[in-house]
Amino acid sequence: MKKRTDKEILDDLVAAVREYESLRDDEWDFQDKHGNSDFWDDWEQKAHDELIDELAASYGKVKDLIIEATGDASITF
């Protein structure tokens, strides 16, 4: 397998961080729009759970790219 260049990794990392930040904004907006989660109906809870799943996957992508860029699998943030 061909090793990716630093620029390729950085380009992917920038895109992944932008996606993550956008999803974080979406989650904040959802919270603001729907209020206290104790009063959410099933649809709101499911929609929020799906958003959180997307956010977690996006976070994982960012972390994987940071590990690829640094070579440090023990990195945490």
Protein backbone atom coordinates (compact mmCIF):
# COMPACT_ATOMS: atom_id res chain seq x y z
CA MET A 1 0.00 0.00 0.00
CA LYS A 2 1.29 3.44 -0.97
CA LYS A 3 2.12 5.73 1.93
CA ARG A 4 0.09 8.92 1.88
CA THR A 5 1.86 12.24 1.78
CA ASP A 6 1.69 14.70 4.65
CA LYS A 7 -0.35 17.02 2.45
CA GLU A 8 -2.90 14.32 1.70
CA ILE A 9 -3.26 13.53 5.39
CA LEU A 10 -3.51 17.23 6.30
CA ASP A 11 -6.13 17.87 3.61
CA ASP A 12 -8.22 14.98 4.92
CA LEU A 13 -7.73 16.14 8.51
CA VAL A 14 -8.90 19.67 7.72
CA ALA A 15 -12.01 18.29 6.00
CA ALA A 16 -12.69 15.93 8.90
CA VAL A 17 -12.36 18.71 11.48
CA ARG A 18 -14.73 20.91 9.48
CA GLU A 19 -17.26 18.07 9.33
CA TYR A 20 -16.90 17.45 13.07
CA GLU A 21 -17.39 21.13 13.90
CA SER A 22 -20.46 21.29 11.66
CA LEU A 23 -21.98 18.27 13.39
CA ARG A 24 -21.24 19.82 16.79
CA ASP A 25 -23.07 22.95 15.66
CA ASP A 26 -25.99 20.80 14.46
CA GLU A 27 -26.17 19.09 17.85
CA TRP A 28 -26.14 22.44 19.69
CA ASP A 29 -28.86 23.74 17.37
CA PHE A 30 -30.90 20.60 18.00
CA GLN A 31 -30.60 21.08 21.75
CA ASP A 32 -31.60 24.73 21.47
CA LYS A 33 -34.58 23.96 19.24
CA HIS A 34 -35.94 21.00 21.20
CA GLY A 35 -35.28 22.13 24.77
CA ASN A 36 -35.00 19.86 27.78
CA SER A 37 -34.31 16.28 26.69
CA ASP A 38 -36.41 14.95 29.58
CA PHE A 39 -39.47 16.00 27.57
CA TRP A 40 -38.47 14.69 24.13
CA ASP A 41 -40.77 12.31 22.31
CA ASP A 42 -39.50 9.13 20.65
CA TRP A 43 -38.81 10.90 17.33
CA GLU A 44 -36.71 13.61 18.99
CA GLN A 45 -34.75 11.06 21.02
CA LYS A 46 -34.07 8.91 17.95
CA ALA A 47 -33.07 11.93 15.85
CA HIS A 48 -30.70 13.11 18.57
CA ASP A 49 -29.22 9.62 19.01
CA GLU A 50 -28.53 9.47 15.26
CA LEU A 51 -26.86 12.88 15.39
CA ILE A 52 -24.69 11.76 18.32
CA ASP A 53 -23.73 8.59 16.40
CA GLU A 54 -22.64 10.74 13.43
CA LEU A 55 -20.71 13.02 15.78
CA ALA A 56 -18.92 10.06 17.40
CA ALA A 57 -17.99 8.61 14.00
CA SER A 58 -16.69 11.99 12.90
CA TYR A 59 -14.63 12.31 16.08
CA GLY A 60 -13.18 8.85 15.38
CA LYS A 61 -12.21 9.94 11.87
CA VAL A 62 -10.42 13.02 13.23
CA LYS A 63 -8.61 10.93 15.83
CA ASP A 64 -7.56 8.32 13.24
CA LEU A 65 -6.15 11.04 10.99
CA ILE A 66 -4.22 12.61 13.88
CA ILE A 67 -2.78 9.20 14.68
CA GLU A 68 -1.86 8.70 11.03
CA ALA A 69 -0.21 12.13 10.91
CA THR A 70 1.74 11.75 14.13
CA GLY A 71 2.33 8.02 14.21
CA ASP A 72 1.34 8.11 17.91
CA ALA A 73 -1.48 5.63 18.60
CA SER A 74 -1.57 6.60 22.27
CA ILE A 75 -2.62 10.18 21.57
CA THR A 76 -5.66 11.42 23.43
CA PHE A 77 -7.62 14.64 23.27
